């Protein structure tokens, strides 16, 4: 009963306490837990049986005694105070302001435990988002309402790439700009500072809502952080009709917190100790992205996860790939070559790309150019493996031509500056210039009429900056590398 405090708990184990069940107690309800000195800690009911309630504490349980601790059941779920004033604000993982400004003046409170979008209510995503990054726009296109994760590894520049996408993302089919919601889970202070400084310097901070659960915050707080961020995104998208770009980083830290709770509760572990419900838990978050009927707004998600040991078959990236519509994979070997952004050409994929490109959206040659670049780069990989066995000097002239194409593809198409914003037309023209290095007969994935229309035009447009030549490309990779 609200307003009544119950004294005594049954057990305290890590961030979990167990108390006797009272009437009208429900799953997900918020509790106020007071220690013997009167200090209050927020908790959430994560399990209910006939006799007991399991309460998860957002913070430390040190100092809680079995006899002196009191619990008040607040009979309401965890809620986030929302208004358009949340833009430009910085909150902790539980939705409390940490930017030095007071709480917002708003009476609207929203339950953070949202639901995945009903498939019947969804509108199929079709609007092309130009990120200004050739490796994404040209070959792994991001579509409004899509969830497209970035699979990275420790030390790779996923933060720089994400900040660049946030700065540059725009919808070509409309004049509307994006509102960004950023959720950092278990990130270090220097990473948080990097994003804040980047947003301030580029002038987009007034359009960004930040939820930061830093590495020194209780790990259990990371469970709520993405839910608060997605609740804010849903409010801005579906009530204020804004186009929202949501960045969730790092999902690996979120899953680690989920495993910690599961282990504390004594649940039967699944792969690598993660709970068996990891898939459904991630789906609850990822499926809150999209467009719905009757609303002009949209939510586009870019979750970032660092793959342990760069293992793409690890449970976190593996399950994420089943839920999302593709992935952007960052490659350590490309990064070591000095390529930025080091987007791996072959493992990366956008399953909605085919529905957001073409006439009226990007350009009629987009699909064919992308497909041909994929095919040619795939052949480059095979030839490099062959060169590692027999030596590059033993390759045929045609194979050596493909090696030169691979060098230029990595050195010119994939490589660009951190603040370089390329239009989709510039990206496609660059693709044509690279394909001009190959024999015309090998361009079997492109319609002949498109070759006639765009090949020479792309070469002519490049004359001012100089023609594409092997000597001007990035340094050649060692045989067998890549």
Protein backbone atom coordinates (compact mmCIF):
# COMPACT_ATOMS: atom_id res chain seq x y z
CA UNK A 1 0.00 0.00 0.00
CA UNK A 2 1.39 3.39 -1.02
CA UNK A 3 2.61 5.48 1.90
CA UNK A 4 3.14 2.43 4.12
CA UNK A 5 6.67 1.30 4.90
CA UNK A 6 7.35 -2.33 5.66
CA UNK A 7 10.29 -3.05 7.95
CA UNK A 8 12.71 -5.89 7.36
CA UNK A 9 13.98 -7.74 4.31
CA UNK A 10 14.59 -11.46 3.83
CA UNK A 11 17.99 -11.30 2.13
CA UNK A 12 20.48 -8.95 0.46
CA UNK A 13 22.63 -10.32 -2.37
CA UNK A 14 24.61 -7.86 -4.47
CA UNK A 15 22.15 -5.39 -6.06
CA UNK A 16 19.20 -7.66 -5.23
CA UNK A 17 17.07 -7.70 -2.08
CA UNK A 18 14.19 -10.05 -1.35
CA UNK A 19 11.18 -8.90 0.68
CA UNK A 20 7.87 -10.45 1.63
CA UNK A 21 5.10 -9.80 -0.84
CA UNK A 22 2.31 -7.37 0.06
CA UNK A 23 -1.09 -6.77 -1.51
CA UNK A 24 -1.35 -4.92 -4.84
CA UNK A 25 2.34 -5.37 -5.65
CA UNK A 26 3.11 -5.76 -9.34
CA UNK A 27 6.04 -6.52 -11.63
CA UNK A 28 8.04 -3.42 -12.66
CA UNK A 29 6.77 -1.33 -9.74
CA UNK A 30 9.13 1.21 -8.16
CA UNK A 31 10.04 0.99 -4.48
CA UNK A 32 11.71 3.35 -2.00
CA UNK A 33 14.23 1.47 0.15
CA UNK A 34 15.47 3.24 3.31
CA UNK A 35 18.40 2.16 5.43
CA UNK A 36 18.73 2.68 9.18
CA UNK A 37 19.97 6.26 8.69
CA UNK A 38 16.99 7.21 6.53
CA UNK A 39 18.87 7.40 3.22
CA UNK A 40 16.59 6.45 0.30
CA UNK A 41 17.55 4.18 -2.59
CA UNK A 42 15.33 3.54 -5.58
CA UNK A 43 14.48 -0.03 -6.45
CA UNK A 44 12.38 -1.86 -9.02
CA UNK A 45 10.48 -5.13 -8.62
CA UNK A 46 11.87 -7.61 -11.14
CA UNK A 47 10.14 -10.78 -9.93
CA UNK A 48 7.06 -11.67 -7.90
CA UNK A 49 6.03 -14.99 -6.36
CA UNK A 50 3.20 -15.91 -4.02
CA UNK A 51 5.29 -15.11 -0.94
CA UNK A 52 8.21 -12.89 -1.98
CA UNK A 53 9.23 -9.96 -4.19
CA UNK A 54 12.66 -9.58 -5.77
CA UNK A 55 13.74 -5.92 -5.80
CA UNK A 56 16.61 -4.61 -7.90
CA UNK A 57 18.39 -1.63 -6.29
CA UNK A 58 19.78 1.12 -8.56
CA UNK A 59 22.92 1.65 -6.57
CA UNK A 60 24.86 0.01 -3.78
CA UNK A 61 23.20 -2.21 -1.16
CA UNK A 62 26.00 -1.70 1.36
CA UNK A 63 24.67 -0.59 4.72
CA UNK A 64 21.32 -2.33 4.33
CA UNK A 65 20.54 -4.55 7.30
CA UNK A 66 17.93 -7.28 7.30
CA UNK A 67 16.10 -5.90 10.34
CA UNK A 68 16.39 -2.10 10.02
CA UNK A 69 15.75 -1.66 6.28
CA UNK A 70 12.27 -0.44 5.30
CA UNK A 71 10.57 -0.79 1.91
CA UNK A 72 7.76 1.39 0.54
CA UNK A 73 5.88 0.15 -2.53
CA UNK A 74 5.03 3.19 -4.65
CA UNK A 75 2.42 1.41 -6.80
CA UNK A 76 3.68 2.96 -10.05
CA UNK A 77 6.19 1.95 -12.71
CA UNK A 78 9.37 3.89 -13.35
CA UNK A 79 8.46 7.07 -15.22
CA UNK A 80 10.28 9.78 -17.14
CA UNK A 81 9.23 13.43 -17.09
CA UNK A 82 9.01 14.63 -20.70
CA UNK A 83 8.44 17.80 -22.69
CA UNK A 84 10.14 19.43 -25.66
CA UNK A 85 12.46 20.98 -23.08
CA UNK A 86 14.40 17.71 -22.84
CA UNK A 87 16.28 18.66 -26.00
CA UNK A 88 19.70 20.04 -25.18
CA UNK A 89 19.63 18.42 -21.73
CA UNK A 90 21.93 15.79 -20.18
CA UNK A 91 20.49 13.18 -17.79
CA UNK A 92 21.89 10.25 -15.87
CA UNK A 93 20.82 6.71 -16.65
CA UNK A 94 17.67 7.04 -14.53
CA UNK A 95 16.51 10.26 -16.21
CA UNK A 96 17.70 12.74 -13.55
CA UNK A 97 19.37 15.96 -14.81
CA UNK A 98 23.16 16.07 -14.37
CA UNK A 99 23.89 19.18 -16.44
CA UNK A 100 23.51 21.63 -13.57
CA UNK A 101 20.08 22.82 -14.61
CA UNK A 102 16.91 22.17 -12.61
CA UNK A 103 14.23 19.57 -13.28
CA UNK A 104 11.95 20.37 -16.20
CA UNK A 105 8.60 21.98 -15.56
CA UNK A 106 6.25 19.40 -17.00
CA UNK A 107 3.38 17.40 -15.59
CA UNK A 108 3.66 14.71 -18.24
CA UNK A 109 5.15 11.49 -16.90
CA UNK A 110 5.65 8.48 -19.19
CA UNK A 111 6.25 4.86 -18.26
CA UNK A 112 9.77 3.90 -19.39
CA UNK A 113 8.76 0.26 -19.87
CA UNK A 114 7.49 0.81 -23.39
CA UNK A 115 6.44 -1.89 -25.80
CA UNK A 116 7.74 -2.93 -29.20
CA UNK A 117 5.78 -1.36 -32.05
CA UNK A 118 2.82 -3.45 -33.18
CA UNK A 119 3.73 -4.85 -36.63
CA UNK A 120 0.24 -3.99 -37.92
CA UNK A 121 0.76 -0.33 -36.97
CA UNK A 122 4.14 -0.06 -38.70
CA UNK A 123 4.82 1.87 -41.88
CA UNK A 124 7.48 0.24 -44.06
CA UNK A 125 10.72 2.31 -44.02
CA UNK A 126 11.63 3.78 -47.42
CA UNK A 127 13.26 7.21 -46.94
CA UNK A 128 17.00 7.40 -47.64
CA UNK A 129 19.15 9.01 -44.92
CA UNK A 130 22.33 10.62 -46.21
CA UNK A 131 25.08 10.27 -43.61
CA UNK A 132 27.83 11.76 -45.76
CA UNK A 133 29.89 8.58 -45.30
CA UNK A 134 30.50 6.80 -48.61
CA UNK A 135 30.92 3.33 -47.09
CA UNK A 136 27.41 3.64 -45.61
CA UNK A 137 25.54 5.72 -48.18
CA UNK A 138 26.94 3.91 -51.18
CA UNK A 139 26.92 0.29 -50.03
CA UNK A 140 25.05 -0.09 -46.71
CA UNK A 141 22.39 2.59 -46.92
CA UNK A 142 20.61 3.76 -43.77
CA UNK A 143 16.82 4.14 -44.11
CA UNK A 144 14.56 6.26 -41.89
CA UNK A 145 12.91 3.98 -39.32
CA UNK A 146 15.61 1.31 -39.64
CA UNK A 147 17.69 -0.21 -36.88
CA UNK A 148 21.24 -0.56 -38.17
CA UNK A 149 23.84 -1.52 -35.53
CA UNK A 150 27.57 -0.87 -35.64
CA UNK A 151 29.65 -3.96 -34.79
CA UNK A 152 32.99 -2.75 -33.53
CA UNK A 153 35.86 -3.78 -31.28
CA UNK A 154 37.93 -2.24 -28.52
CA UNK A 155 40.11 0.56 -29.86
CA UNK A 156 38.25 0.97 -33.16
CA UNK A 157 36.88 4.45 -34.03
CA UNK A 158 33.17 3.67 -33.62
CA UNK A 159 32.70 6.78 -31.46
CA UNK A 160 34.17 9.05 -34.13
CA UNK A 161 32.02 7.43 -36.81
CA UNK A 162 28.86 7.72 -34.72
CA UNK A 163 29.51 11.39 -33.95
CA UNK A 164 30.07 12.02 -37.66
CA UNK A 165 26.76 10.34 -38.53
CA UNK A 166 24.92 12.39 -35.90
CA UNK A 167 26.42 15.64 -37.23
CA UNK A 168 25.76 14.94 -40.89
CA UNK A 169 22.60 12.80 -41.10
CA UNK A 170 19.78 14.31 -43.14
CA UNK A 171 16.79 13.15 -45.15
CA UNK A 172 17.06 14.07 -48.83
CA UNK A 173 13.33 13.75 -49.49
CA UNK A 174 12.42 16.39 -46.87
CA UNK A 175 13.80 19.54 -45.31
CA UNK A 176 13.31 18.24 -41.78
CA UNK A 177 16.37 17.74 -39.61
CA UNK A 178 16.91 15.01 -37.07
CA UNK A 179 16.56 15.20 -33.32
CA UNK A 180 19.13 12.95 -31.64
CA UNK A 181 18.77 10.84 -28.51
CA UNK A 182 22.06 9.50 -27.18
CA UNK A 183 22.28 6.78 -24.52
CA UNK A 184 25.68 5.88 -23.06
CA UNK A 185 25.82 2.73 -20.93
CA UNK A 186 28.95 2.02 -18.92
CA UNK A 187 31.02 4.43 -21.01
CA UNK A 188 34.12 6.17 -19.67
CA UNK A 189 34.10 9.85 -18.81
CA UNK A 190 36.44 10.76 -21.69
CA UNK A 191 34.02 9.11 -24.16
CA UNK A 192 31.08 11.05 -22.71
CA UNK A 193 33.14 14.26 -22.83
CA UNK A 194 34.06 13.56 -26.47
CA UNK A 195 30.41 13.37 -27.51
CA UNK A 196 29.37 16.43 -25.49
CA UNK A 197 32.24 18.51 -26.91
CA UNK A 198 31.56 17.26 -30.45
CA UNK A 199 27.88 18.18 -30.24
CA UNK A 200 28.69 21.63 -28.80
CA UNK A 201 31.33 22.42 -31.42
CA UNK A 202 29.11 21.34 -34.33
CA UNK A 203 26.12 23.26 -32.98
CA UNK A 204 23.77 20.27 -32.70
CA UNK A 205 23.69 19.99 -28.89
CA UNK A 206 20.39 21.89 -28.76
CA UNK A 207 18.85 19.04 -30.77
CA UNK A 208 20.38 16.23 -28.69
CA UNK A 209 18.99 14.51 -25.60
CA UNK A 210 21.73 12.67 -23.68
CA UNK A 211 21.37 9.89 -21.11
CA UNK A 212 24.72 9.00 -19.56
CA UNK A 213 25.33 6.04 -17.26
CA UNK A 214 29.07 6.30 -16.79
CA UNK A 215 31.43 3.47 -15.94
CA UNK A 216 31.53 4.46 -12.26
CA UNK A 217 27.71 4.39 -11.96
CA UNK A 218 26.04 1.23 -10.63
CA UNK A 219 26.03 -1.36 -13.39
CA UNK A 220 22.36 -2.08 -12.71
CA UNK A 221 21.54 1.46 -13.85
CA UNK A 222 22.49 0.39 -17.38
CA UNK A 223 19.34 -1.73 -17.58
CA UNK A 224 17.13 1.37 -17.37
CA UNK A 225 19.24 3.78 -19.45
CA UNK A 226 18.19 2.60 -22.95
CA UNK A 227 14.57 2.43 -21.82
CA UNK A 228 14.64 6.04 -20.67
CA UNK A 229 16.28 7.07 -23.95
CA UNK A 230 13.74 5.21 -26.09
CA UNK A 231 10.87 6.64 -24.03
CA UNK A 232 12.15 10.16 -24.76
CA UNK A 233 12.54 9.22 -28.44
CA UNK A 234 8.97 7.87 -28.63
CA UNK A 235 7.60 11.06 -27.09
CA UNK A 236 9.47 13.28 -29.57
CA UNK A 237 8.67 11.07 -32.57
CA UNK A 238 5.08 10.01 -32.06
CA UNK A 239 3.70 12.93 -30.04
CA UNK A 240 5.78 15.81 -31.43
CA UNK A 241 6.16 14.35 -34.97
CA UNK A 242 9.93 14.68 -35.08
CA UNK A 243 12.42 12.43 -36.84
CA UNK A 244 14.59 10.95 -34.11
CA UNK A 245 17.97 9.27 -34.48
CA UNK A 246 18.76 7.11 -31.43
CA UNK A 247 22.33 6.01 -30.64
CA UNK A 248 22.76 3.31 -27.99
CA UNK A 249 26.33 2.65 -26.86
CA UNK A 250 27.64 0.27 -25.68
CA UNK A 251 25.11 -2.57 -25.90
CA UNK A 252 27.77 -4.99 -24.69
CA UNK A 253 27.83 -3.18 -21.33
CA UNK A 254 24.04 -3.43 -21.18
CA UNK A 255 24.18 -7.19 -21.76
CA UNK A 256 26.89 -7.58 -19.12
CA UNK A 257 24.60 -5.89 -16.58
CA UNK A 258 21.80 -8.21 -17.64
CA UNK A 259 24.07 -11.20 -17.06
CA UNK A 260 25.05 -9.86 -13.63
CA UNK A 261 21.42 -9.71 -12.52
CA UNK A 262 20.70 -13.14 -13.97
CA UNK A 263 23.64 -14.68 -12.12
CA UNK A 264 22.65 -13.02 -8.85
CA UNK A 265 19.15 -14.43 -9.16
CA UNK A 266 20.52 -17.92 -9.79
CA UNK A 267 18.92 -18.30 -13.21
CA UNK A 268 20.03 -21.10 -15.52
CA UNK A 269 22.65 -19.52 -17.82
CA UNK A 270 22.63 -19.72 -21.59
CA UNK A 271 25.53 -19.19 -24.02
CA UNK A 272 28.61 -17.76 -22.27
CA UNK A 273 26.60 -17.21 -19.09
CA UNK A 274 24.09 -14.78 -20.58
CA UNK A 275 20.45 -15.37 -19.65
CA UNK A 276 18.28 -17.41 -21.96
CA UNK A 277 16.00 -14.41 -22.48
CA UNK A 278 18.80 -12.22 -23.90
CA UNK A 279 17.26 -12.40 -27.39
CA UNK A 280 13.80 -11.29 -26.27
CA UNK A 281 15.23 -8.59 -24.01
CA UNK A 282 17.25 -7.08 -26.87
CA UNK A 283 14.24 -7.36 -29.17
CA UNK A 284 12.18 -5.32 -26.69
CA UNK A 285 14.65 -2.47 -27.19
CA UNK A 286 15.40 -2.75 -30.89
CA UNK A 287 11.77 -3.17 -31.93
CA UNK A 288 10.88 0.22 -30.43
CA UNK A 289 12.31 1.76 -33.62
CA UNK A 290 10.31 2.48 -36.75
CA UNK A 291 7.44 4.50 -38.19
CA UNK A 292 3.78 4.09 -37.26
CA UNK A 293 0.53 4.91 -39.00
CA UNK A 294 -0.99 8.25 -38.12
CA UNK A 295 2.30 9.88 -37.10
CA UNK A 296 4.71 11.97 -39.16
CA UNK A 297 7.62 11.15 -36.83
CA UNK A 298 10.03 8.23 -36.88
CA UNK A 299 12.69 6.52 -34.77
CA UNK A 300 15.89 5.34 -36.42
CA UNK A 301 18.24 3.31 -34.22
CA UNK A 302 22.02 2.92 -34.40
CA UNK A 303 23.04 0.58 -31.57
CA UNK A 304 26.79 0.23 -31.07
CA UNK A 305 28.29 -2.90 -29.59
CA UNK A 306 31.93 -3.82 -29.10
CA UNK A 307 32.45 -7.47 -30.00
CA UNK A 308 34.54 -9.27 -27.34
CA UNK A 309 37.77 -10.40 -29.03
CA UNK A 310 36.34 -9.11 -32.36
CA UNK A 311 34.19 -12.26 -32.43
CA UNK A 312 31.12 -11.65 -34.60
CA UNK A 313 29.71 -15.02 -33.51
CA UNK A 314 29.60 -13.89 -29.85
CA UNK A 315 26.03 -14.07 -28.46
CA UNK A 316 25.55 -10.29 -28.37
CA UNK A 317 26.34 -9.47 -32.05
CA UNK A 318 24.92 -12.82 -33.13
CA UNK A 319 21.50 -12.21 -31.58
CA UNK A 320 21.54 -8.54 -32.55
CA UNK A 321 22.05 -9.49 -36.19
CA UNK A 322 18.91 -11.64 -36.10
CA UNK A 323 16.78 -8.76 -34.81
CA UNK A 324 18.08 -5.76 -36.75
CA UNK A 325 17.99 -5.00 -40.47
CA UNK A 326 21.68 -5.45 -41.16
CA UNK A 327 24.91 -4.27 -39.55
CA UNK A 328 27.91 -2.01 -40.13
CA UNK A 329 31.04 -4.00 -39.27
CA UNK A 330 34.29 -2.19 -38.46
CA UNK A 331 37.45 -4.05 -39.47
CA UNK A 332 40.61 -3.94 -37.35
CA UNK A 333 42.92 -4.66 -40.27
CA UNK A 334 41.56 -1.75 -42.28
CA UNK A 335 41.99 0.48 -39.23
CA UNK A 336 45.62 -0.61 -38.90
CA UNK A 337 46.14 0.40 -42.55
CA UNK A 338 44.99 3.91 -41.69
CA UNK A 339 41.57 3.63 -43.33
CA UNK A 340 38.85 5.74 -41.69
CA UNK A 341 36.11 4.76 -41.31
CA UNK A 342 37.30 1.13 -41.38
CA UNK A 343 33.96 -0.27 -42.60
CA UNK A 344 34.41 -3.88 -43.70
CA UNK A 345 33.08 -4.14 -47.24
CA UNK A 346 31.80 -7.71 -47.25
CA UNK A 347 30.40 -8.48 -43.75
CA UNK A 348 28.46 -5.19 -43.65
CA UNK A 349 24.86 -5.27 -44.82
CA UNK A 350 21.71 -3.15 -44.96
CA UNK A 351 18.63 -5.28 -45.59
CA UNK A 352 16.39 -2.26 -46.28
CA UNK A 353 18.79 -0.63 -48.73
CA UNK A 354 16.95 -1.93 -51.80
CA UNK A 355 13.76 -0.12 -50.75
CA UNK A 356 15.34 3.29 -50.15
CA UNK A 357 17.51 3.82 -53.23
CA UNK A 358 16.88 4.35 -56.92
CA UNK A 359 15.07 6.99 -59.00
CA UNK A 360 13.42 9.69 -56.92
CA UNK A 361 15.33 8.65 -53.78
CA UNK A 362 19.03 8.59 -54.64
CA UNK A 363 19.89 7.87 -58.29
CA UNK A 364 18.91 5.23 -60.81
CA UNK A 365 22.42 3.74 -60.94
CA UNK A 366 22.81 3.34 -57.17
CA UNK A 367 21.79 -0.33 -56.93
CA UNK A 368 23.93 -1.45 -59.87
CA UNK A 369 27.03 0.50 -58.79
CA UNK A 370 26.79 -0.84 -55.24
CA UNK A 371 26.35 -4.41 -56.43
CA UNK A 372 29.32 -4.15 -58.81
CA UNK A 373 31.57 -2.65 -56.14
CA UNK A 374 30.68 -5.50 -53.79
CA UNK A 375 31.45 -8.09 -56.49
CA UNK A 376 34.75 -6.50 -57.48
CA UNK A 377 35.94 -6.08 -53.88
CA UNK A 378 35.02 -9.69 -53.15
CA UNK A 379 37.23 -10.76 -56.04
CA UNK A 380 40.04 -8.58 -54.66
CA UNK A 381 39.90 -10.54 -51.39
CA UNK A 382 40.30 -13.82 -53.23
CA UNK A 383 43.20 -12.54 -55.33
CA UNK A 384 45.01 -11.26 -52.22
CA UNK A 385 44.72 -14.70 -50.68
CA UNK A 386 46.12 -16.22 -53.87
CA UNK A 387 48.98 -13.72 -53.91
CA UNK A 388 49.92 -14.79 -50.40
CA UNK A 389 50.51 -18.31 -51.72
CA UNK A 390 52.12 -17.85 -55.13
CA UNK A 391 53.44 -14.29 -54.85
CA UNK A 392 52.09 -11.16 -56.50
CA UNK A 393 54.56 -11.35 -59.38
CA UNK A 394 52.97 -14.64 -60.51
CA UNK A 395 49.50 -13.13 -60.86
CA UNK A 396 47.96 -12.45 -64.24
CA UNK A 397 47.63 -8.91 -65.55
CA UNK A 398 43.87 -9.04 -64.90
CA UNK A 399 44.46 -10.06 -61.29
CA UNK A 400 47.00 -7.27 -60.80
CA UNK A 401 44.40 -4.83 -62.12
CA UNK A 402 42.00 -5.99 -59.43
CA UNK A 403 44.68 -5.52 -56.77
CA UNK A 404 45.06 -1.90 -57.92
CA UNK A 405 41.29 -1.53 -57.76
CA UNK A 406 41.30 -2.87 -54.18
CA UNK A 407 43.99 -0.40 -53.13
CA UNK A 408 42.05 2.53 -54.56
CA UNK A 409 38.72 1.30 -53.19
CA UNK A 410 40.17 1.28 -49.68
CA UNK A 411 42.29 4.41 -50.17
CA UNK A 412 39.70 6.61 -51.88
CA UNK A 413 36.16 5.25 -51.51
CA UNK A 414 36.29 3.91 -47.95
CA UNK A 415 38.75 6.50 -46.66
CA UNK A 416 37.49 10.00 -45.94
CA UNK A 417 37.98 12.71 -43.36
CA UNK A 418 36.20 12.78 -40.03
CA UNK A 419 34.52 16.05 -41.03
CA UNK A 420 34.15 15.25 -44.74
CA UNK A 421 30.50 15.22 -45.77
CA UNK A 422 30.03 13.59 -49.18
CA UNK A 423 26.76 13.81 -51.06
CA UNK A 424 25.32 10.62 -52.52
CA UNK A 425 26.10 11.98 -56.00
CA UNK A 426 29.78 12.40 -55.07
CA UNK A 427 29.83 8.87 -53.64
CA UNK A 428 28.31 7.30 -56.74
CA UNK A 429 30.58 9.29 -59.09
CA UNK A 430 33.58 8.08 -57.11
CA UNK A 431 32.30 4.53 -57.49
CA UNK A 432 32.11 4.97 -61.27
CA UNK A 433 35.67 6.30 -61.41
CA UNK A 434 36.89 3.24 -59.54
CA UNK A 435 34.96 0.88 -61.79
CA UNK A 436 36.56 2.54 -64.81
CA UNK A 437 39.80 0.81 -63.79
CA UNK A 438 38.24 -2.58 -64.59
CA UNK A 439 37.61 -4.09 -68.03
CA UNK A 440 34.20 -3.13 -69.41
CA UNK A 441 33.36 -6.82 -69.82
CA UNK A 442 33.71 -7.35 -66.04
CA UNK A 443 30.97 -4.84 -65.24
CA UNK A 444 28.34 -7.53 -65.63
CA UNK A 445 26.13 -6.28 -62.77
CA UNK A 446 25.46 -2.89 -64.39
CA UNK A 447 23.05 -2.25 -67.25
CA UNK A 448 24.93 -1.17 -70.42
CA UNK A 449 22.82 1.97 -70.81
CA UNK A 450 23.84 3.08 -67.29
CA UNK A 451 27.50 2.57 -68.14
CA UNK A 452 27.12 4.79 -71.20
CA UNK A 453 25.24 7.43 -69.24
CA UNK A 454 27.35 7.73 -66.08
CA UNK A 455 30.87 6.36 -66.69
CA UNK A 456 32.20 9.15 -68.90
CA UNK A 457 30.34 11.83 -66.92
CA UNK A 458 32.02 10.68 -63.73
CA UNK A 459 35.45 10.67 -65.37
CA UNK A 460 34.90 14.16 -66.79
CA UNK A 461 33.86 15.51 -63.38
CA UNK A 462 37.09 14.15 -61.89
CA UNK A 463 39.44 15.89 -64.32
CA UNK A 464 39.68 19.01 -62.20
CA UNK A 465 40.99 17.03 -59.23
CA UNK A 466 43.05 14.66 -61.34
CA UNK A 467 42.25 11.21 -62.73
CA UNK A 468 42.15 8.10 -60.63
CA UNK A 469 45.54 6.42 -60.83
CA UNK A 470 47.23 3.66 -58.85
CA UNK A 471 50.08 5.97 -57.88
CA UNK A 472 47.70 8.36 -56.10
CA UNK A 473 45.97 5.65 -54.07
CA UNK A 474 46.78 4.55 -50.56
CA UNK A 475 49.97 2.52 -50.07
CA UNK A 476 49.65 -1.02 -51.33
CA UNK A 477 48.88 -3.62 -48.70
CA UNK A 478 51.20 -6.50 -48.08
CA UNK A 479 50.41 -9.65 -50.06
CA UNK A 480 47.83 -11.72 -48.28
CA UNK A 481 46.65 -8.88 -46.03
CA UNK A 482 42.91 -8.06 -46.00
